[in-house]
Every structure is written in structure tokens, then in C-alpha cells.
């Protein structure tokens, strides 16, 4: 593991890895751990937007739909310029979920010296997604969120992923930077899968 992590660090530099997947696929869990292991910084569009909603008493995501692109640009993309992330690699959790946002995300990241070098797709079946959601709701381990309280909202998030985010992943696939990872195992197994996949990616 350590040897693979060092290879990834060397290849990544101050670049970015963007992680995508269906709800409950483990994007933030994998992302935060990966950032820790790579001495990087973690940025999650979901966390950023939820914090914005709490601060502004806004409820843009309560229906489960993605926020409009112009709002995403205004709220999330300025984080690439924050002083505390300069000189560090970035691990991104679903930055740019709507088809058409990917070019602007890549441009802003590159301008900030955090070029996106890989995009990880945590693949999980809808059956597993729904089972994880039920378990998380029963345990109450994801905080107070609309997608935990209302199954209709959660189903909308799944629909949004298929309609708006899968085309984003196809775009990255065509660019040759998409890395697909099986996310059906335990947290430890999924993280190991990510490290193994990234260590084979590009010059790593």
C-alpha cells in the first residue's frame, strides 16, 4: 500500500483526482481518506453546497435535483483559489456533476495549478445503493439530510446521476482519464481498489 501511495503522490503532484458515483457509493469516505494518505486537501461539492444552504437558509437541493450550473460555478469553483490548498494535491468529490460543467471545472482547476489528472468512478449497483441507504437511515450515521428523510428525494438523486452525471463520466472516458472501481465491498476493500487502480493509472 505505502509503495503504491508514494507512486501516486509522485505522479499526481499538485494535481486533482475527481471522484464520482451514485449516492451512497462512498465518494466522501474514499475522498477524505485518500486526501489524508496523499497529504492533500479534500473538496466535496455536496458538503460545500450544504454548508452554503445552511448559512443562507437556502433549500436548493431539498428536491434531490442538482443545483443550476451558474449557481454551481458561483458557489463551488472559487474554492480552487483558496489559499490553504495551494501547493497541495486535491481530492475532489463530484465537482461538476452536470453534463457541460466538466470543461469549466477542468479549466479552473488547471488555472489554480490543480490539473485534473484522474477521475474515479465508484461503481455500485442501484440495489446496493438502496440497501446502503436503508442501513444508513436506520443507523442515522449521515446526519440530518433530505435524502435520508425522504425516499422520493433519494430516488431523484439516482435519476439525476443517470441523466446528468453519466454523460460527464463519458466525457472523461473520452479524454482517457476515467478510472472505474468496484465499490461494492467494505470500506477497506473499496479504498484498496481505488489505490490499486490509481497506481496503474498514467505514469503512476
Protein backbone atom coordinates (compact mmCIF):
# COMPACT_ATOMS: atom_id res chain seq x y z
CA UNK A 1 0.00 0.00 0.00
CA UNK A 2 2.67 2.54 1.02
CA UNK A 3 4.70 1.96 -2.14
CA UNK A 4 1.61 2.49 -4.28
CA UNK A 5 0.72 5.66 -2.40
CA UNK A 6 4.20 7.07 -2.98
CA UNK A 7 3.89 6.34 -6.70
CA UNK A 8 0.54 8.10 -6.83
CA UNK A 9 1.95 11.11 -4.93
CA UNK A 10 4.83 11.39 -7.37
CA UNK A 11 2.53 11.19 -10.40
CA UNK A 12 -0.16 13.48 -9.00
CA UNK A 13 1.97 16.37 -7.77
CA UNK A 14 -0.41 19.27 -7.04
CA UNK A 15 -2.99 17.86 -9.45
CA UNK A 16 -6.53 16.70 -8.71
CA UNK A 17 -8.43 13.43 -8.58
CA UNK A 18 -12.20 13.84 -9.01
CA UNK A 19 -14.41 11.08 -7.53
CA UNK A 20 -17.91 10.29 -8.77
CA UNK A 21 -20.54 7.66 -8.09
CA UNK A 22 -24.16 7.09 -7.21
CA UNK A 23 -25.38 8.27 -3.80
CA UNK A 24 -24.01 6.01 -1.02
CA UNK A 25 -21.11 4.81 -3.19
CA UNK A 26 -18.58 6.20 -0.71
CA UNK A 27 -17.29 9.28 -2.54
CA UNK A 28 -16.63 11.39 0.55
CA UNK A 29 -15.41 8.45 2.62
CA UNK A 30 -12.87 7.43 -0.01
CA UNK A 31 -12.02 11.03 -0.84
CA UNK A 32 -11.25 12.12 2.71
CA UNK A 33 -9.09 9.08 3.36
CA UNK A 34 -7.27 9.47 0.05
CA UNK A 35 -6.57 13.13 0.79
CA UNK A 36 -5.16 12.17 4.18
CA UNK A 37 -2.90 9.48 2.71
CA UNK A 38 -1.64 11.74 -0.09
CA UNK A 39 -1.11 14.80 2.13
CA UNK A 40 -3.76 16.52 0.05
CA UNK A 41 -6.84 18.64 0.53
CA UNK A 42 -10.42 17.41 0.18
CA UNK A 43 -13.18 19.34 -1.56
CA UNK A 44 -16.72 17.97 -1.77
CA UNK A 45 -19.35 19.77 -3.83
CA UNK A 46 -22.05 18.22 -1.64
CA UNK A 47 -20.50 19.48 1.59
CA UNK A 48 -19.80 22.92 0.13
CA UNK A 49 -23.37 23.30 -1.12
CA UNK A 50 -24.96 22.00 2.10
CA UNK A 51 -22.85 24.46 4.10
CA UNK A 52 -23.96 27.26 1.77
CA UNK A 53 -27.61 26.24 2.19
CA UNK A 54 -27.28 26.22 5.97
CA UNK A 55 -25.59 29.62 6.02
CA UNK A 56 -28.07 31.24 3.62
CA UNK A 57 -31.14 29.31 4.81
CA UNK A 58 -31.46 28.15 1.22
CA UNK A 59 -33.00 24.84 0.17
CA UNK A 60 -31.79 24.37 -3.38
CA UNK A 61 -31.17 20.63 -3.07
CA UNK A 62 -34.16 19.61 -0.97
CA UNK A 63 -35.86 18.03 -4.01
CA UNK A 64 -32.80 15.93 -4.82
CA UNK A 65 -32.13 17.79 -8.06
CA UNK A 66 -28.71 19.24 -8.88
CA UNK A 67 -28.29 22.98 -8.48
CA UNK A 68 -28.21 25.11 -11.65
CA UNK A 69 -24.83 25.37 -13.36
CA UNK A 70 -24.49 29.11 -12.75
CA UNK A 71 -25.05 28.58 -9.01
CA UNK A 72 -22.52 25.74 -9.00
CA UNK A 73 -19.94 27.98 -10.68
CA UNK A 74 -20.54 30.79 -8.18
CA UNK A 75 -20.58 28.64 -5.04
CA UNK A 76 -18.12 25.80 -5.65
CA UNK A 77 -15.48 26.81 -8.20
CA UNK A 78 -13.98 29.68 -6.13
CA UNK A 79 -12.70 27.03 -3.70
CA UNK A 80 -9.94 26.19 -6.20
CA UNK A 81 -8.38 29.57 -5.34
CA UNK A 82 -8.40 29.21 -1.55
CA UNK A 83 -5.00 29.93 -0.04
CA UNK A 84 -4.97 26.87 2.22
CA UNK A 85 -4.99 24.41 -0.70
CA UNK A 86 -2.14 25.96 -2.67
CA UNK A 87 0.76 23.59 -3.20
CA UNK A 88 -1.29 20.52 -2.26
CA UNK A 89 -2.87 17.80 -4.38
CA UNK A 90 -6.66 17.90 -4.34
CA UNK A 91 -9.15 15.10 -3.92
CA UNK A 92 -12.50 16.24 -5.26
CA UNK A 93 -15.85 14.64 -4.54
CA UNK A 94 -18.16 15.11 -7.52
CA UNK A 95 -17.02 18.58 -8.55
CA UNK A 96 -19.08 19.21 -11.70
CA UNK A 97 -21.94 16.69 -11.72
CA UNK A 98 -23.95 18.17 -14.56
CA UNK A 99 -23.02 17.45 -18.18
CA UNK A 100 -21.47 20.58 -19.65
CA UNK A 101 -19.74 21.66 -16.41
CA UNK A 102 -16.68 19.48 -16.86
CA UNK A 103 -14.72 21.78 -19.19
CA UNK A 104 -15.07 24.76 -16.85
CA UNK A 105 -14.13 22.61 -13.86
CA UNK A 106 -11.01 21.39 -15.66
CA UNK A 107 -10.11 24.93 -16.73
CA UNK A 108 -10.47 26.37 -13.23
CA UNK A 109 -8.52 23.50 -11.70
CA UNK A 110 -5.67 23.89 -14.20
CA UNK A 111 -5.54 27.68 -13.74
CA UNK A 112 -5.13 27.09 -10.00
CA UNK A 113 -2.29 24.58 -10.64
CA UNK A 114 -4.52 21.64 -9.69
CA UNK A 115 -4.96 19.99 -13.08
CA UNK A 116 -7.42 17.08 -13.01
CA UNK A 117 -5.30 14.04 -13.74
CA UNK A 118 -7.76 11.25 -12.99
CA UNK A 119 -11.49 10.78 -12.48
CA UNK A 120 -12.55 7.84 -10.31
CA UNK A 121 -15.96 6.29 -10.88
CA UNK A 122 -17.05 4.24 -7.85
CA UNK A 123 -19.36 1.70 -9.46
CA UNK A 124 -22.22 0.35 -7.38
CA UNK A 125 -25.48 -1.26 -8.41
CA UNK A 126 -28.75 0.50 -7.62
CA UNK A 127 -29.73 -2.48 -5.47
CA UNK A 128 -26.62 -1.96 -3.31
CA UNK A 129 -27.20 1.80 -3.26
CA UNK A 130 -30.72 1.40 -1.91
CA UNK A 131 -29.61 -1.20 0.65
CA UNK A 132 -26.87 1.11 1.93
CA UNK A 133 -29.33 3.97 2.12
CA UNK A 134 -31.76 1.92 4.21
CA UNK A 135 -28.95 0.84 6.55
CA UNK A 136 -27.60 4.40 6.88
CA UNK A 137 -31.08 5.74 7.60
CA UNK A 138 -31.65 3.08 10.26
CA UNK A 139 -28.30 3.86 11.89
CA UNK A 140 -28.63 7.62 11.48
CA UNK A 141 -24.95 7.89 10.52
CA UNK A 142 -25.26 10.53 7.75
CA UNK A 143 -26.69 13.43 9.70
CA UNK A 144 -29.97 15.19 9.02
CA UNK A 145 -30.30 15.29 5.24
CA UNK A 146 -33.29 15.36 2.95
CA UNK A 147 -32.14 12.33 1.01
CA UNK A 148 -32.15 10.34 4.25
CA UNK A 149 -35.56 11.58 5.33
CA UNK A 150 -37.46 11.13 2.08
CA UNK A 151 -37.08 8.12 -0.22
CA UNK A 152 -38.55 10.10 -3.12
CA UNK A 153 -35.74 12.63 -2.82
CA UNK A 154 -33.19 9.83 -2.75
CA UNK A 155 -34.70 8.29 -5.89
CA UNK A 156 -34.50 11.70 -7.57
CA UNK A 157 -30.79 11.84 -6.80
CA UNK A 158 -30.34 8.47 -8.51
CA UNK A 159 -32.24 9.71 -11.55
CA UNK A 160 -30.15 12.89 -11.63
CA UNK A 161 -26.98 10.82 -11.64
CA UNK A 162 -28.11 8.77 -14.63
CA UNK A 163 -29.44 11.73 -16.57
CA UNK A 164 -26.87 14.42 -15.83
CA UNK A 165 -23.71 12.83 -14.41
CA UNK A 166 -23.16 9.72 -16.51
CA UNK A 167 -22.55 11.94 -19.59
CA UNK A 168 -19.86 13.74 -17.55
CA UNK A 169 -18.14 10.42 -16.95
CA UNK A 170 -18.33 9.58 -20.64
CA UNK A 171 -16.61 12.88 -21.38
CA UNK A 172 -13.77 11.99 -19.03
CA UNK A 173 -13.62 8.50 -20.52
CA UNK A 174 -13.04 10.00 -23.97
CA UNK A 175 -10.23 12.09 -22.51
CA UNK A 176 -8.63 8.88 -21.23
CA UNK A 177 -8.62 9.83 -17.56
CA UNK A 178 -11.60 7.81 -16.24
CA UNK A 179 -10.76 5.07 -13.72
CA UNK A 180 -13.60 2.67 -12.88
CA UNK A 181 -13.54 1.00 -9.47
CA UNK A 182 -15.77 -1.65 -7.91
CA UNK A 183 -17.37 -0.03 -4.84
CA UNK A 184 -19.46 -2.99 -3.67
CA UNK A 185 -17.12 -4.22 -0.93
CA UNK A 186 -16.26 -2.99 2.55
CA UNK A 187 -14.80 0.48 3.02
CA UNK A 188 -11.32 -1.04 3.32
CA UNK A 189 -11.79 -3.13 0.18
CA UNK A 190 -13.07 -0.18 -1.83
CA UNK A 191 -10.17 2.01 -0.73
CA UNK A 192 -7.72 -0.73 -1.68
CA UNK A 193 -9.41 -1.00 -5.08
CA UNK A 194 -9.01 2.76 -5.60
CA UNK A 195 -5.32 2.71 -4.67
CA UNK A 196 -4.66 -0.26 -6.92
CA UNK A 197 -6.46 1.38 -9.85
CA UNK A 198 -4.75 4.75 -9.41
CA UNK A 199 -1.32 3.18 -9.06
CA UNK A 200 -1.76 1.73 -12.55
CA UNK A 201 -3.05 4.99 -14.00
CA UNK A 202 -0.97 7.22 -16.21
CA UNK A 203 2.65 7.49 -15.12
CA UNK A 204 1.87 6.17 -11.65
